[in-house]
Amino acid sequence: MDFTTFMVMYASPLVLAGSIAAVFIWAAKGKTPDWVKSDRSE
């Protein structure tokens, strides 16, 4: 397997899945940022 095949077939789905997982983990465990809190209070 050459580098191009790896980047197209494996790296792209892994990055996509990792990004989606990071959003869900941040939503479940993270705190709301201060700039979001200030927008909601106004």
N, C-alpha and C. Protein backbone atom coordinates (compact mmCIF):
# COMPACT_ATOMS: atom_id res chain seq x y z
N MET A 1 0.86 -1.18 0.00
CA MET A 1 0.00 0.00 0.00
C MET A 1 0.90 1.24 0.00
N ASP A 2 0.63 2.13 -0.93
CA ASP A 2 1.42 3.35 -0.97
C ASP A 2 0.75 4.45 -0.14
N PHE A 3 1.44 5.55 -0.04
CA PHE A 3 0.99 6.63 0.83
C PHE A 3 -0.33 7.23 0.35
N THR A 4 -0.49 7.36 -0.96
CA THR A 4 -1.72 7.96 -1.49
C THR A 4 -2.93 7.10 -1.17
N THR A 5 -2.79 5.80 -1.32
CA THR A 5 -3.90 4.89 -1.01
C THR A 5 -4.26 4.99 0.47
N PHE A 6 -3.26 5.05 1.32
CA PHE A 6 -3.53 5.18 2.75
C PHE A 6 -4.28 6.47 3.05
N MET A 7 -3.83 7.59 2.46
CA MET A 7 -4.46 8.88 2.73
C MET A 7 -5.90 8.91 2.26
N VAL A 8 -6.19 8.30 1.12
CA VAL A 8 -7.54 8.35 0.57
C VAL A 8 -8.45 7.35 1.25
N MET A 9 -7.98 6.13 1.46
CA MET A 9 -8.86 5.05 1.91
C MET A 9 -8.99 4.97 3.43
N TYR A 10 -7.95 5.34 4.16
CA TYR A 10 -7.96 5.13 5.60
C TYR A 10 -7.91 6.43 6.40
N ALA A 11 -7.06 7.35 6.03
CA ALA A 11 -6.88 8.55 6.84
C ALA A 11 -8.11 9.45 6.82
N SER A 12 -8.73 9.60 5.66
CA SER A 12 -9.90 10.49 5.58
C SER A 12 -11.06 10.02 6.46
N PRO A 13 -11.48 8.75 6.39
CA PRO A 13 -12.55 8.31 7.29
C PRO A 13 -12.16 8.38 8.76
N LEU A 14 -10.90 8.12 9.07
CA LEU A 14 -10.46 8.19 10.47
C LEU A 14 -10.53 9.62 10.99
N VAL A 15 -10.12 10.58 10.19
CA VAL A 15 -10.19 11.98 10.61
C VAL A 15 -11.64 12.41 10.77
N LEU A 16 -12.50 12.00 9.84
CA LEU A 16 -13.91 12.35 9.93
C LEU A 16 -14.54 11.76 11.18
N ALA A 17 -14.31 10.47 11.43
CA ALA A 17 -14.87 9.82 12.61
C ALA A 17 -14.30 10.43 13.89
N GLY A 18 -13.03 10.75 13.88
CA GLY A 18 -12.42 11.37 15.05
C GLY A 18 -12.99 12.74 15.35
N SER A 19 -13.26 13.50 14.31
CA SER A 19 -13.84 14.83 14.50
C SER A 19 -15.25 14.74 15.07
N ILE A 20 -16.05 13.83 14.53
CA ILE A 20 -17.41 13.65 15.04
C ILE A 20 -17.38 13.17 16.48
N ALA A 21 -16.50 12.22 16.79
CA ALA A 21 -16.40 11.72 18.15
C ALA A 21 -15.94 12.82 19.10
N ALA A 22 -15.02 13.66 18.66
CA ALA A 22 -14.54 14.75 19.52
C ALA A 22 -15.66 15.72 19.86
N VAL A 23 -16.53 16.00 18.90
CA VAL A 23 -17.66 16.90 19.16
C VAL A 23 -18.59 16.30 20.19
N PHE A 24 -18.90 15.00 20.06
CA PHE A 24 -19.80 14.38 21.02
C PHE A 24 -19.17 14.27 22.40
N ILE A 25 -17.88 13.98 22.48
CA ILE A 25 -17.20 13.90 23.78
C ILE A 25 -17.17 15.29 24.43
N TRP A 26 -16.89 16.32 23.63
CA TRP A 26 -16.87 17.68 24.17
C TRP A 26 -18.26 18.08 24.66
N ALA A 27 -19.30 17.70 23.92
CA ALA A 27 -20.66 18.05 24.33
C ALA A 27 -21.06 17.32 25.60
N ALA A 28 -20.58 16.10 25.78
CA ALA A 28 -20.95 15.32 26.95
C ALA A 28 -20.18 15.74 28.20
N LYS A 29 -18.90 16.07 28.05
CA LYS A 29 -18.05 16.29 29.22
C LYS A 29 -17.58 17.72 29.38
N GLY A 30 -17.59 18.48 28.31
CA GLY A 30 -17.02 19.82 28.36
C GLY A 30 -17.95 20.84 28.97
N LYS A 31 -17.37 21.97 29.35
CA LYS A 31 -18.17 23.07 29.87
C LYS A 31 -18.57 23.98 28.72
N THR A 32 -19.61 24.75 28.92
CA THR A 32 -20.02 25.73 27.93
C THR A 32 -19.03 26.89 27.93
N PRO A 33 -18.54 27.29 26.77
CA PRO A 33 -17.59 28.41 26.73
C PRO A 33 -18.22 29.70 27.24
N ASP A 34 -17.38 30.60 27.73
CA ASP A 34 -17.87 31.85 28.31
C ASP A 34 -18.60 32.70 27.28
N TRP A 35 -18.15 32.69 26.02
CA TRP A 35 -18.80 33.53 25.02
C TRP A 35 -20.19 33.02 24.69
N VAL A 36 -20.44 31.72 24.86
CA VAL A 36 -21.79 31.19 24.64
C VAL A 36 -22.68 31.59 25.81
N LYS A 37 -22.15 31.52 27.02
CA LYS A 37 -22.93 31.91 28.20
C LYS A 37 -23.32 33.38 28.13
N SER A 38 -22.42 34.23 27.68
CA SER A 38 -22.74 35.66 27.62
C SER A 38 -23.80 35.94 26.56
N ASP A 39 -23.80 35.20 25.46
CA ASP A 39 -24.83 35.40 24.44
C ASP A 39 -26.20 34.97 24.94
N ARG A 40 -26.25 33.92 25.71
CA ARG A 40 -27.54 33.42 26.19
C ARG A 40 -28.14 34.32 27.27
N SER A 41 -27.29 34.98 28.04
CA SER A 41 -27.80 35.79 29.14
C SER A 41 -28.39 37.11 28.66
N GLU A 42 -28.02 37.55 27.48
CA GLU A 42 -28.51 38.85 27.01
C GLU A 42 -29.89 38.75 26.41
